[in-house]
Amino acid sequence: MEALFKMPARTRTSPCAVEPASLTNVQEPQNVLFDTLHHKAHQAGAVCSNSVCQGSILQPKSDTSSQFDEKVNFADVQDFYDQYYSSRSISEEEQTKRLDEVIASIKSTNQYDMTKDELEFGVTTAWRNAPRCIGRIQWSKLKLFDGRLIQSTREMFELICEHIEYATNYGNIRSAIAVFPSRQSGIECRIWNGEYISYAGFEVSLE
């Protein structure tokens, strides 16, 4: 494929060099499966090893820097599209054309815009792969509210209200996510609350 920007070479580890993790079914101990997907994971927050798991830590260390990182990880871009196209019946010609568009955009503006289908795949896959989320069993039903064209706080507020109305559904909760314009240097959409809605509490005497 003739690309406008050369992707860095991807290193592949031989399956024989890294042992897969064995997963035993607690109800049927004789059934043992072997997982190799975890070898693709990036270390983020808690650092686990083959002997110690820190995945249960509630507040793992994370990058709290407020600085905007303009660097694009081309390996991550390539990996995303590898996963995306492996789940879609898209011709190689279309794949090549799309990847060239993405690379050209990154080269000229240092960013690129996903199509809505790519974004839906990204958010559902990210939720499916979130190890700490007990609700991820609903990942395939996740509703996307695409707010990337929003230009004002009023539009942002209205989309949040639409998101809340859909998700709460009169008590029959539905999974949803809202995506706003991507962060740029000096320009960003920000929600200051940790959550859209929080419960209020009242101090009472223990006596």
C-alpha atoms as a PDB file:
ATOM      1  CA  MET A   1       0.000   0.000   0.000  1.00  0.00           C
ATOM      2  CA  GLU A   2       1.371   3.406  -1.016  1.00  0.00           C
ATOM      3  CA  ALA A   3       0.857   5.622   1.999  1.00  0.00           C
ATOM      4  CA  LEU A   4       1.424   9.354   2.432  1.00  0.00           C
ATOM      5  CA  PHE A   5       3.133   8.735   5.751  1.00  0.00           C
ATOM      6  CA  LYS A   6       4.972   5.624   6.739  1.00  0.00           C
ATOM      7  CA  MET A   7       3.641   3.864   9.795  1.00  0.00           C
ATOM      8  CA  PRO A   8       6.271   2.632  12.269  1.00  0.00           C
ATOM      9  CA  ALA A   9       7.055  -1.041  11.986  1.00  0.00           C
ATOM     10  CA  ARG A  10       4.870  -3.149  14.237  1.00  0.00           C
ATOM     11  CA  THR A  11       6.659  -5.665  16.343  1.00  0.00           C
ATOM     12  CA  ARG A  12       4.985  -9.025  16.744  1.00  0.00           C
ATOM     13  CA  THR A  13       5.884 -11.434  19.483  1.00  0.00           C
ATOM     14  CA  SER A  14       5.961 -15.088  18.633  1.00  0.00           C
ATOM     15  CA  PRO A  15       3.133 -17.006  20.373  1.00  0.00           C
ATOM     16  CA  CYS A  16       5.787 -19.418  21.578  1.00  0.00           C
ATOM     17  CA  ALA A  17       7.763 -16.633  23.269  1.00  0.00           C
ATOM     18  CA  VAL A  18       4.962 -15.489  25.571  1.00  0.00           C
ATOM     19  CA  GLU A  19       2.800 -17.970  27.422  1.00  0.00           C
ATOM     20  CA  PRO A  20      -0.970 -17.359  27.308  1.00  0.00           C
ATOM     21  CA  ALA A  21      -2.898 -16.930  30.546  1.00  0.00           C
ATOM     22  CA  SER A  22      -4.932 -19.971  31.523  1.00  0.00           C
ATOM     23  CA  LEU A  23      -8.555 -19.331  32.541  1.00  0.00           C
ATOM     24  CA  THR A  24     -10.346 -22.022  34.542  1.00  0.00           C
ATOM     25  CA  ASN A  25     -14.130 -22.242  34.658  1.00  0.00           C
ATOM     26  CA  VAL A  26     -14.948 -22.395  38.395  1.00  0.00           C
ATOM     27  CA  GLN A  27     -18.121 -24.401  37.727  1.00  0.00           C
ATOM     28  CA  GLU A  28     -16.391 -26.768  35.318  1.00  0.00           C
ATOM     29  CA  PRO A  29     -12.726 -26.951  36.415  1.00  0.00           C
ATOM     30  CA  GLN A  30     -11.952 -29.403  33.654  1.00  0.00           C
ATOM     31  CA  ASN A  31     -12.625 -26.676  31.084  1.00  0.00           C
ATOM     32  CA  VAL A  32      -9.552 -24.476  30.738  1.00  0.00           C
ATOM     33  CA  LEU A  33      -9.301 -21.715  28.147  1.00  0.00           C
ATOM     34  CA  PHE A  34      -6.192 -19.803  27.147  1.00  0.00           C
ATOM     35  CA  ASP A  35      -6.195 -16.043  26.638  1.00  0.00           C
ATOM     36  CA  THR A  36      -3.677 -14.218  24.453  1.00  0.00           C
ATOM     37  CA  LEU A  37      -5.586 -10.948  23.951  1.00  0.00           C
ATOM     38  CA  HIS A  38      -4.107  -9.447  27.108  1.00  0.00           C
ATOM     39  CA  HIS A  39      -0.677  -9.399  25.467  1.00  0.00           C
ATOM     40  CA  LYS A  40      -1.919  -6.532  23.273  1.00  0.00           C
ATOM     41  CA  ALA A  41      -2.926  -4.375  26.238  1.00  0.00           C
ATOM     42  CA  HIS A  42      -1.042  -1.190  27.117  1.00  0.00           C
ATOM     43  CA  GLN A  43       0.112  -0.669  30.688  1.00  0.00           C
ATOM     44  CA  ALA A  44      -2.077   2.066  32.172  1.00  0.00           C
ATOM     45  CA  GLY A  45      -2.559   2.991  35.805  1.00  0.00           C
ATOM     46  CA  ALA A  46      -2.072  -0.138  37.889  1.00  0.00           C
ATOM     47  CA  VAL A  47       0.832  -2.269  36.782  1.00  0.00           C
ATOM     48  CA  CYS A  48       0.007  -5.965  36.981  1.00  0.00           C
ATOM     49  CA  SER A  49       2.320  -8.909  36.532  1.00  0.00           C
ATOM     50  CA  ASN A  50       1.917 -12.655  36.175  1.00  0.00           C
ATOM     51  CA  SER A  51       2.055 -12.983  39.971  1.00  0.00           C
ATOM     52  CA  VAL A  52       0.353  -9.799  41.222  1.00  0.00           C
ATOM     53  CA  CYS A  53      -2.906  -8.200  40.066  1.00  0.00           C
ATOM     54  CA  GLN A  54      -3.576  -4.588  41.036  1.00  0.00           C
ATOM     55  CA  GLY A  55      -6.774  -4.291  38.995  1.00  0.00           C
ATOM     56  CA  SER A  56      -8.909  -3.943  42.129  1.00  0.00           C
ATOM     57  CA  ILE A  57      -7.229  -0.692  43.178  1.00  0.00           C
ATOM     58  CA  LEU A  58      -9.970   1.949  43.204  1.00  0.00           C
ATOM     59  CA  GLN A  59      -7.770   4.901  42.310  1.00  0.00           C
ATOM     60  CA  PRO A  60      -4.786   3.708  40.273  1.00  0.00           C
ATOM     61  CA  LYS A  61      -2.057   6.180  39.428  1.00  0.00           C
ATOM     62  CA  SER A  62      -2.823   8.068  36.253  1.00  0.00           C
ATOM     63  CA  ASP A  63      -1.541  11.002  34.266  1.00  0.00           C
ATOM     64  CA  THR A  64      -3.125  14.049  35.887  1.00  0.00           C
ATOM     65  CA  SER A  65      -1.287  16.554  33.700  1.00  0.00           C
ATOM     66  CA  SER A  66      -3.513  19.293  32.298  1.00  0.00           C
ATOM     67  CA  GLN A  67      -1.136  19.772  29.381  1.00  0.00           C
ATOM     68  CA  PHE A  68      -2.568  18.911  25.983  1.00  0.00           C
ATOM     69  CA  ASP A  69      -0.489  16.224  24.271  1.00  0.00           C
ATOM     70  CA  GLU A  70      -0.549  16.860  20.532  1.00  0.00           C
ATOM     71  CA  LYS A  71       1.443  13.758  19.622  1.00  0.00           C
ATOM     72  CA  VAL A  72      -0.364  11.031  17.706  1.00  0.00           C
ATOM     73  CA  ASN A  73       0.626   7.429  18.348  1.00  0.00           C
ATOM     74  CA  PHE A  74       0.645   5.904  14.879  1.00  0.00           C
ATOM     75  CA  ALA A  75       0.891   2.390  16.294  1.00  0.00           C
ATOM     76  CA  ASP A  76      -2.406   2.963  18.127  1.00  0.00           C
ATOM     77  CA  VAL A  77      -4.025   4.321  14.955  1.00  0.00           C
ATOM     78  CA  GLN A  78      -2.887   1.285  12.985  1.00  0.00           C
ATOM     79  CA  ASP A  79      -4.044  -1.091  15.722  1.00  0.00           C
ATOM     80  CA  PHE A  80      -7.474   0.566  15.882  1.00  0.00           C
ATOM     81  CA  TYR A  81      -8.049   0.193  12.156  1.00  0.00           C
ATOM     82  CA  ASP A  82      -6.765  -3.389  12.202  1.00  0.00           C
ATOM     83  CA  GLN A  83      -9.452  -4.202  14.776  1.00  0.00           C
ATOM     84  CA  TYR A  84     -12.101  -2.131  13.010  1.00  0.00           C
ATOM     85  CA  TYR A  85     -11.629  -3.701   9.586  1.00  0.00           C
ATOM     86  CA  SER A  86     -11.372  -7.211  10.999  1.00  0.00           C
ATOM     87  CA  SER A  87     -14.943  -6.731  12.275  1.00  0.00           C
ATOM     88  CA  ARG A  88     -16.291  -5.295   9.015  1.00  0.00           C
ATOM     89  CA  SER A  89     -16.783  -6.627   5.489  1.00  0.00           C
ATOM     90  CA  ILE A  90     -14.942  -3.816   3.716  1.00  0.00           C
ATOM     91  CA  SER A  91     -12.879  -4.200   0.559  1.00  0.00           C
ATOM     92  CA  GLU A  92      -9.115  -3.809   0.748  1.00  0.00           C
ATOM     93  CA  GLU A  93      -9.357  -0.894  -1.685  1.00  0.00           C
ATOM     94  CA  GLU A  94     -11.692   0.999   0.650  1.00  0.00           C
ATOM     95  CA  GLN A  95      -9.466   0.197   3.632  1.00  0.00           C
ATOM     96  CA  THR A  96      -6.413   1.549   1.827  1.00  0.00           C
ATOM     97  CA  LYS A  97      -8.236   4.713   0.754  1.00  0.00           C
ATOM     98  CA  ARG A  98      -9.516   5.395   4.266  1.00  0.00           C
ATOM     99  CA  LEU A  99      -6.164   4.803   5.933  1.00  0.00           C
ATOM    100  CA  ASP A 100      -4.479   7.153   3.434  1.00  0.00           C
ATOM    101  CA  GLU A 101      -7.065   9.823   4.321  1.00  0.00           C
ATOM    102  CA  VAL A 102      -6.376   9.364   8.033  1.00  0.00           C
ATOM    103  CA  ILE A 103      -2.601   9.531   7.592  1.00  0.00           C
ATOM    104  CA  ALA A 104      -2.855  12.619   5.369  1.00  0.00           C
ATOM    105  CA  SER A 105      -5.024  14.366   7.967  1.00  0.00           C
ATOM    106  CA  ILE A 106      -2.628  13.511  10.797  1.00  0.00           C
ATOM    107  CA  LYS A 107       0.315  14.715   8.733  1.00  0.00           C
ATOM    108  CA  SER A 108      -1.295  18.085   7.953  1.00  0.00           C
ATOM    109  CA  THR A 109      -3.297  18.814  11.128  1.00  0.00           C
ATOM    110  CA  ASN A 110      -1.941  16.295  13.661  1.00  0.00           C
ATOM    111  CA  GLN A 111      -5.445  14.876  14.132  1.00  0.00           C
ATOM    112  CA  TYR A 112      -8.206  13.137  12.204  1.00  0.00           C
ATOM    113  CA  ASP A 113     -11.960  12.716  12.440  1.00  0.00           C
ATOM    114  CA  MET A 114     -13.523   9.282  12.733  1.00  0.00           C
ATOM    115  CA  THR A 115     -16.634   8.388  10.796  1.00  0.00           C
ATOM    116  CA  LYS A 116     -19.687   7.761  12.977  1.00  0.00           C
ATOM    117  CA  ASP A 117     -19.381   4.003  12.397  1.00  0.00           C
ATOM    118  CA  GLU A 118     -15.710   4.082  13.425  1.00  0.00           C
ATOM    119  CA  LEU A 119     -16.594   6.054  16.546  1.00  0.00           C
ATOM    120  CA  GLU A 120     -19.404   3.653  17.464  1.00  0.00           C
ATOM    121  CA  PHE A 121     -16.994   0.750  17.073  1.00  0.00           C
ATOM    122  CA  GLY A 122     -14.415   2.562  19.202  1.00  0.00           C
ATOM    123  CA  VAL A 123     -16.697   3.378  22.137  1.00  0.00           C
ATOM    124  CA  THR A 124     -18.347  -0.055  22.236  1.00  0.00           C
ATOM    125  CA  THR A 125     -14.998  -1.855  21.980  1.00  0.00           C
ATOM    126  CA  ALA A 126     -13.488   0.337  24.705  1.00  0.00           C
ATOM    127  CA  TRP A 127     -16.392  -0.473  27.030  1.00  0.00           C
ATOM    128  CA  ARG A 128     -16.246  -4.171  26.199  1.00  0.00           C
ATOM    129  CA  ASN A 129     -12.538  -4.203  27.109  1.00  0.00           C
ATOM    130  CA  ALA A 130     -12.911  -2.212  30.364  1.00  0.00           C
ATOM    131  CA  PRO A 131     -11.870  -4.732  33.062  1.00  0.00           C
ATOM    132  CA  ARG A 132     -13.261  -2.776  36.038  1.00  0.00           C
ATOM    133  CA  CYS A 133     -16.780  -2.165  34.701  1.00  0.00           C
ATOM    134  CA  ILE A 134     -19.421  -4.637  35.854  1.00  0.00           C
ATOM    135  CA  GLY A 135     -21.949  -3.181  33.404  1.00  0.00           C
ATOM    136  CA  ARG A 136     -19.912  -3.862  30.284  1.00  0.00           C
ATOM    137  CA  ILE A 137     -22.035  -6.921  29.509  1.00  0.00           C
ATOM    138  CA  GLN A 138     -24.294  -4.373  27.783  1.00  0.00           C
ATOM    139  CA  TRP A 139     -21.482  -3.083  25.549  1.00  0.00           C
ATOM    140  CA  SER A 140     -23.145  -4.037  22.262  1.00  0.00           C
ATOM    141  CA  LYS A 141     -26.271  -2.019  23.183  1.00  0.00           C
ATOM    142  CA  LEU A 142     -24.397   1.199  23.897  1.00  0.00           C
ATOM    143  CA  LYS A 143     -26.131   4.230  22.348  1.00  0.00           C
ATOM    144  CA  LEU A 144     -23.853   6.938  20.942  1.00  0.00           C
ATOM    145  CA  PHE A 145     -24.800  10.614  21.090  1.00  0.00           C
ATOM    146  CA  ASP A 146     -22.452  12.225  18.576  1.00  0.00           C
ATOM    147  CA  GLY A 147     -21.858  15.832  19.593  1.00  0.00           C
ATOM    148  CA  ARG A 148     -18.627  16.449  17.705  1.00  0.00           C
ATOM    149  CA  LEU A 149     -20.142  19.347  15.731  1.00  0.00           C
ATOM    150  CA  ILE A 150     -21.271  21.225  18.835  1.00  0.00           C
ATOM    151  CA  GLN A 151     -20.082  24.849  18.933  1.00  0.00           C
ATOM    152  CA  SER A 152     -21.694  26.342  22.037  1.00  0.00           C
ATOM    153  CA  THR A 153     -22.342  25.568  25.681  1.00  0.00           C
ATOM    154  CA  ARG A 154     -26.097  25.714  24.970  1.00  0.00           C
ATOM    155  CA  GLU A 155     -25.787  22.933  22.373  1.00  0.00           C
ATOM    156  CA  MET A 156     -23.635  20.972  24.792  1.00  0.00           C
ATOM    157  CA  PHE A 157     -26.232  21.359  27.567  1.00  0.00           C
ATOM    158  CA  GLU A 158     -29.058  20.265  25.255  1.00  0.00           C
ATOM    159  CA  LEU A 159     -27.166  17.123  24.213  1.00  0.00           C
ATOM    160  CA  ILE A 160     -26.466  16.273  27.860  1.00  0.00           C
ATOM    161  CA  CYS A 161     -30.194  16.618  28.626  1.00  0.00           C
ATOM    162  CA  GLU A 162     -31.003  14.374  25.659  1.00  0.00           C
ATOM    163  CA  HIS A 163     -28.432  11.862  26.902  1.00  0.00           C
ATOM    164  CA  ILE A 164     -29.898  11.859  30.424  1.00  0.00           C
ATOM    165  CA  GLU A 165     -33.475  11.530  29.167  1.00  0.00           C
ATOM    166  CA  TYR A 166     -32.581   8.548  26.979  1.00  0.00           C
ATOM    167  CA  ALA A 167     -30.407   6.818  29.589  1.00  0.00           C
ATOM    168  CA  THR A 168     -32.754   7.179  32.580  1.00  0.00           C
ATOM    169  CA  ASN A 169     -35.797   6.078  30.536  1.00  0.00           C
ATOM    170  CA  TYR A 170     -38.244   6.469  33.444  1.00  0.00           C
ATOM    171  CA  GLY A 171     -36.202   4.106  35.607  1.00  0.00           C
ATOM    172  CA  ASN A 172     -35.502   1.460  32.968  1.00  0.00           C
ATOM    173  CA  ILE A 173     -31.846   2.386  32.514  1.00  0.00           C
ATOM    174  CA  ARG A 174     -30.312   2.294  29.038  1.00  0.00           C
ATOM    175  CA  SER A 175     -26.591   2.490  28.264  1.00  0.00           C
ATOM    176  CA  ALA A 176     -25.476   5.634  26.451  1.00  0.00           C
ATOM    177  CA  ILE A 177     -22.407   7.782  25.860  1.00  0.00           C
ATOM    178  CA  ALA A 178     -22.026  11.344  24.591  1.00  0.00           C
ATOM    179  CA  VAL A 179     -18.949  12.345  22.594  1.00  0.00           C
ATOM    180  CA  PHE A 180     -18.055  16.004  22.207  1.00  0.00           C
ATOM    181  CA  PRO A 181     -15.516  17.753  19.914  1.00  0.00           C
ATOM    182  CA  SER A 182     -11.991  16.396  20.315  1.00  0.00           C
ATOM    183  CA  ARG A 183      -9.638  18.367  22.489  1.00  0.00           C
ATOM    184  CA  GLN A 184      -7.386  20.849  20.724  1.00  0.00           C
ATOM    185  CA  SER A 185      -4.720  23.195  21.982  1.00  0.00           C
ATOM    186  CA  GLY A 186      -6.540  26.072  23.682  1.00  0.00           C
ATOM    187  CA  ILE A 187     -10.012  24.789  22.743  1.00  0.00           C
ATOM    188  CA  GLU A 188     -11.983  22.118  24.549  1.00  0.00           C
ATOM    189  CA  CYS A 189     -15.384  21.111  25.867  1.00  0.00           C
ATOM    190  CA  ARG A 190     -15.281  20.452  29.591  1.00  0.00           C
ATOM    191  CA  ILE A 191     -17.795  19.085  32.078  1.00  0.00           C
ATOM    192  CA  TRP A 192     -16.696  20.133  35.543  1.00  0.00           C
ATOM    193  CA  ASN A 193     -18.900  17.652  37.405  1.00  0.00           C
ATOM    194  CA  GLY A 194     -17.576  14.170  38.058  1.00  0.00           C
ATOM    195  CA  GLU A 195     -21.005  12.859  37.024  1.00  0.00           C
ATOM    196  CA  TYR A 196     -24.067  14.350  35.359  1.00  0.00           C
ATOM    197  CA  ILE A 197     -26.225  13.634  38.414  1.00  0.00           C
ATOM    198  CA  SER A 198     -25.066  12.960  41.981  1.00  0.00           C
ATOM    199  CA  TYR A 199     -27.001  12.039  45.099  1.00  0.00           C
ATOM    200  CA  ALA A 200     -27.400  14.642  47.838  1.00  0.00           C
ATOM    201  CA  GLY A 201     -26.706  13.711  51.441  1.00  0.00           C
ATOM    202  CA  PHE A 202     -27.688  15.245  54.759  1.00  0.00           C
ATOM    203  CA  GLU A 203     -25.603  15.188  57.917  1.00  0.00           C
ATOM    204  CA  VAL A 204     -27.462  13.540  60.786  1.00  0.00           C
ATOM    205  CA  SER A 205     -26.637  13.010  64.420  1.00  0.00           C
ATOM    206  CA  LEU A 206     -25.470   9.524  65.378  1.00  0.00           C
ATOM    207  CA  GLU A 207     -26.865   9.911  68.900  1.00  0.00           C
END
